[in-house]
Amino acid sequence: MKIEAENPTLVIAGSWNPAILTPQWIAQAALGKAADEQFVVKVTIDPLQGQGAVRRLSFLDIELVAAPQVLIFFIDPKNPESSAKAIAAARTILQTLTHTPISGVGCNFLFSVEENKIEFLDLFRSTNYFEGVLENSEIVSKSWGNKIQADDELIGVECVHEGNVGSIRLNFHHSVQTASEAVEYLTDEKYPEILGQAIKIAENLSNERIEGAIT
């Protein structure tokens, strides 16, 4: 199994002001850069569900989206320092913008299943309920999902099989009420802990070992 091109993400849900969260402000407030320091900023426009088109910013080895309802950090699975830098930047932003209403913190992962393992396909066994109702019909995409409450985490699990391609999407969500609660949750050990859980779940669902470096 390999991790998909869509990188893991750290998501902080709340009520954000994107006008504040500029690259220059983040560089100074969260990364300790001088006010007159010059650096390159790469901007791409991405669609974001519920937010419309948003600006994805990449600079000083971090990549993020600042939208009114979410602050998203993209984590590079091939860079061992990426997750630590994202967590540290998020924590500092929350400590600086202490009055920002925050409702949750979470991580998202997307894995692809390279082979049609029987154990993975067993998740999707079903009947074509439209047979005899719709002529010449066949199921071309199947999905399966659950939400699991595990201690203080709500974990969303969604598996999809379409053609010969399988994927496992995992969402870990922790509810908070204040920025300070989010800071307490975002310890240096939190992302590696969640990543370990995500890998175990994905390996169990696919009956495959995950190979390669994952941050």
Protein backbone atom coordinates (compact mmCIF):
# COMPACT_ATOMS: atom_id res chain seq x y z
CA MET A 1 0.00 0.00 0.00
CA LYS A 2 1.19 3.54 -0.61
CA ILE A 3 -0.01 6.90 0.56
CA GLU A 4 -1.81 8.89 -2.14
CA ALA A 5 -0.57 12.07 -3.81
CA GLU A 6 -3.07 13.94 -1.64
CA ASN A 7 -0.94 14.61 1.42
CA PRO A 8 -2.09 14.05 4.99
CA THR A 9 -3.62 17.18 6.47
CA LEU A 10 -3.91 18.80 9.88
CA VAL A 11 -7.27 20.61 10.10
CA ILE A 12 -8.32 23.18 12.70
CA ALA A 13 -12.01 24.07 12.45
CA GLY A 14 -13.23 27.40 13.74
CA SER A 15 -13.98 30.95 12.74
CA TRP A 16 -10.84 32.29 11.04
CA ASN A 17 -10.01 35.62 9.43
CA PRO A 18 -7.98 34.80 6.28
CA ALA A 19 -7.04 38.47 5.97
CA ILE A 20 -4.88 38.07 9.08
CA LEU A 21 -3.31 34.76 8.10
CA THR A 22 -1.07 36.08 5.35
CA PRO A 23 2.33 34.50 4.59
CA GLN A 24 4.07 37.58 6.03
CA TRP A 25 2.10 37.42 9.29
CA ILE A 26 2.58 33.65 9.68
CA ALA A 27 6.31 33.95 8.91
CA GLN A 28 6.74 36.49 11.71
CA ALA A 29 4.22 35.27 14.29
CA ALA A 30 4.57 31.50 13.85
CA LEU A 31 7.98 30.93 12.25
CA GLY A 32 10.05 33.61 13.96
CA LYS A 33 11.13 35.43 10.80
CA ALA A 34 12.09 39.09 10.72
CA ALA A 35 9.58 41.62 9.39
CA ASP A 36 11.85 42.57 6.47
CA GLU A 37 12.88 39.03 5.52
CA GLN A 38 12.16 38.15 1.89
CA PHE A 39 10.91 34.70 0.84
CA VAL A 40 9.13 33.04 -2.06
CA VAL A 41 5.39 32.31 -1.81
CA LYS A 42 3.74 29.86 -4.20
CA VAL A 43 -0.03 30.32 -4.64
CA THR A 44 -2.42 27.82 -6.23
CA ILE A 45 -6.21 27.94 -6.36
CA ASP A 46 -7.91 24.81 -5.03
CA PRO A 47 -11.59 23.90 -4.66
CA LEU A 48 -12.50 23.20 -1.04
CA GLN A 49 -15.81 21.60 -0.12
CA GLY A 50 -18.08 24.14 1.54
CA GLN A 51 -15.58 26.96 1.00
CA GLY A 52 -15.52 27.44 -2.79
CA ALA A 53 -12.19 28.30 -4.41
CA VAL A 54 -9.42 28.92 -1.86
CA ARG A 55 -5.78 29.95 -2.03
CA ARG A 56 -3.27 27.23 -1.17
CA LEU A 57 -0.06 28.87 0.05
CA SER A 58 3.39 27.29 0.09
CA PHE A 59 6.34 29.07 1.70
CA LEU A 60 9.22 28.45 4.11
CA ASP A 61 8.62 24.67 3.97
CA ILE A 62 4.98 24.85 5.05
CA GLU A 63 1.84 24.54 2.93
CA LEU A 64 -1.60 25.67 4.10
CA VAL A 65 -5.07 26.96 3.33
CA ALA A 66 -6.62 29.66 5.49
CA ALA A 67 -10.39 29.71 4.90
CA PRO A 68 -13.17 31.25 7.03
CA GLN A 69 -14.14 27.92 8.63
CA VAL A 70 -10.88 25.93 8.54
CA LEU A 71 -7.13 26.29 8.77
CA ILE A 72 -5.50 23.37 6.93
CA PHE A 73 -1.84 22.38 6.97
CA PHE A 74 -0.66 19.95 4.28
CA ILE A 75 1.94 17.49 5.53
CA ASP A 76 4.61 16.11 3.20
CA PRO A 77 4.81 12.33 3.84
CA LYS A 78 8.35 12.23 2.41
CA ASN A 79 9.69 14.96 4.69
CA PRO A 80 10.24 13.81 8.30
CA GLU A 81 10.19 17.40 9.57
CA SER A 82 6.96 18.41 7.83
CA SER A 83 4.50 17.25 10.50
CA ALA A 84 6.54 18.72 13.36
CA LYS A 85 6.75 22.09 11.62
CA ALA A 86 3.01 22.12 10.86
CA ILE A 87 2.10 21.23 14.46
CA ALA A 88 4.45 23.89 15.86
CA ALA A 89 3.12 26.58 13.50
CA ALA A 90 -0.51 25.69 14.27
CA ARG A 91 0.15 25.74 17.99
CA THR A 92 1.85 29.16 17.83
CA ILE A 93 -0.97 30.64 15.73
CA LEU A 94 -3.53 29.39 18.26
CA GLN A 95 -1.47 30.81 21.14
CA THR A 96 -1.28 34.16 19.35
CA LEU A 97 -4.91 34.38 18.21
CA THR A 98 -6.30 33.25 21.55
CA HIS A 99 -9.79 34.68 21.00
CA THR A 100 -10.41 32.82 17.74
CA PRO A 101 -13.44 30.52 18.17
CA ILE A 102 -12.23 26.94 17.65
CA SER A 103 -14.55 23.92 17.43
CA GLY A 104 -12.30 21.02 16.51
CA VAL A 105 -8.89 19.67 15.55
CA GLY A 106 -8.24 16.69 13.32
CA CYS A 107 -6.11 14.85 10.80
CA ASN A 108 -7.06 13.37 7.43
CA PHE A 109 -5.33 10.51 5.61
CA LEU A 110 -5.88 8.93 2.21
CA PHE A 111 -4.42 5.53 1.31
CA SER A 112 -4.67 3.69 -2.00
CA VAL A 113 -4.86 -0.10 -2.26
CA GLU A 114 -2.57 -1.20 -5.07
CA GLU A 115 -3.97 -4.69 -5.47
CA ASN A 116 -7.49 -6.11 -5.30
CA LYS A 117 -6.94 -8.06 -2.12
CA ILE A 118 -9.81 -10.43 -1.27
CA GLU A 119 -9.97 -9.08 2.29
CA PHE A 120 -10.50 -5.55 0.98
CA LEU A 121 -13.04 -6.59 -1.66
CA ASP A 122 -15.04 -8.45 0.99
CA LEU A 123 -15.98 -5.05 2.44
CA PHE A 124 -18.03 -4.30 -0.67
CA ARG A 125 -19.95 -7.51 -1.28
CA SER A 126 -23.52 -6.53 -2.22
CA THR A 127 -26.31 -7.26 -4.68
CA ASN A 128 -27.23 -5.07 -7.63
CA TYR A 129 -30.55 -3.92 -6.20
CA PHE A 130 -31.48 -2.30 -9.51
CA GLU A 131 -31.30 -5.55 -11.47
CA GLY A 132 -34.72 -6.15 -13.01
CA VAL A 133 -35.61 -2.48 -12.48
CA LEU A 134 -33.02 -0.81 -14.69
CA GLU A 135 -32.06 -2.57 -17.89
CA ASN A 136 -28.38 -3.29 -18.57
CA SER A 137 -27.32 -1.98 -15.16
CA GLU A 138 -24.24 -2.84 -13.16
CA ILE A 139 -22.56 -1.46 -10.06
CA VAL A 140 -19.47 0.49 -11.12
CA SER A 141 -18.52 2.04 -7.77
CA LYS A 142 -19.00 0.76 -4.24
CA SER A 143 -18.37 2.46 -0.92
CA TRP A 144 -18.49 1.52 2.70
CA GLY A 145 -18.18 3.75 5.74
CA ASN A 146 -18.49 4.01 9.49
CA LYS A 147 -17.92 6.49 12.27
CA ILE A 148 -16.19 5.22 15.39
CA GLN A 149 -15.96 6.86 18.80
CA ALA A 150 -12.62 5.95 20.35
CA ASP A 151 -11.91 7.73 23.65
CA ASP A 152 -11.86 11.43 22.73
CA GLU A 153 -11.55 10.86 18.97
CA LEU A 154 -14.37 10.54 16.44
CA ILE A 155 -12.90 8.55 13.54
CA GLY A 156 -14.56 8.56 10.14
CA VAL A 157 -13.70 5.60 7.91
CA GLU A 158 -14.64 5.54 4.23
CA CYS A 159 -13.59 2.81 1.79
CA VAL A 160 -14.22 3.10 -1.93
CA HIS A 161 -13.76 0.58 -4.73
CA GLU A 162 -14.16 1.78 -8.30
CA GLY A 163 -12.91 -0.21 -11.28
CA ASN A 164 -9.69 -1.78 -10.10
CA VAL A 165 -8.82 1.03 -7.72
CA GLY A 166 -9.40 0.99 -3.98
CA SER A 167 -8.96 3.77 -1.44
CA ILE A 168 -9.25 4.21 2.32
CA ARG A 169 -9.99 7.67 3.70
CA LEU A 170 -9.63 8.29 7.42
CA ASN A 171 -10.68 11.38 9.36
CA PHE A 172 -9.73 11.87 13.01
CA HIS A 173 -11.70 14.60 14.81
CA HIS A 174 -11.29 15.93 18.35
CA SER A 175 -13.85 18.47 19.58
CA VAL A 176 -12.66 21.53 21.49
CA GLN A 177 -14.29 24.77 22.58
CA THR A 178 -11.35 27.17 22.79
CA ALA A 179 -8.00 27.86 21.20
CA SER A 180 -6.25 26.94 24.45
CA GLU A 181 -7.88 23.50 24.44
CA ALA A 182 -6.63 23.00 20.89
CA VAL A 183 -3.11 23.98 21.97
CA GLU A 184 -3.21 21.44 24.81
CA TYR A 185 -4.31 18.75 22.35
CA LEU A 186 -1.65 19.53 19.75
CA THR A 187 1.36 18.12 21.55
CA ASP A 188 4.50 17.10 19.67
CA GLU A 189 3.46 13.46 20.09
CA LYS A 190 -0.14 13.83 18.87
CA TYR A 191 0.38 13.58 15.10
CA PRO A 192 2.69 10.52 15.28
CA GLU A 193 0.13 8.88 17.60
CA ILE A 194 -2.76 9.50 15.19
CA LEU A 195 -0.64 8.45 12.20
CA GLY A 196 0.14 5.16 13.93
CA GLN A 197 -3.57 4.53 14.48
CA ALA A 198 -4.35 5.41 10.84
CA ILE A 199 -1.72 2.98 9.55
CA LYS A 200 -3.03 0.15 11.74
CA ILE A 201 -6.61 0.75 10.55
CA ALA A 202 -5.60 0.91 6.88
CA GLU A 203 -3.44 -2.21 7.14
CA ASN A 204 -6.23 -4.09 8.88
CA LEU A 205 -8.81 -3.11 6.25
CA SER A 206 -6.57 -3.92 3.28
CA ASN A 207 -4.53 -6.81 4.67
CA GLU A 208 -1.45 -5.06 3.27
CA ARG A 209 1.64 -3.63 4.84
CA ILE A 210 2.26 0.06 4.26
CA GLU A 211 5.69 0.58 2.74
CA GLY A 212 7.83 3.66 2.35
CA ALA A 213 8.45 6.69 4.52
CA ILE A 214 5.33 8.29 5.94
CA THR A 215 5.82 11.31 8.17
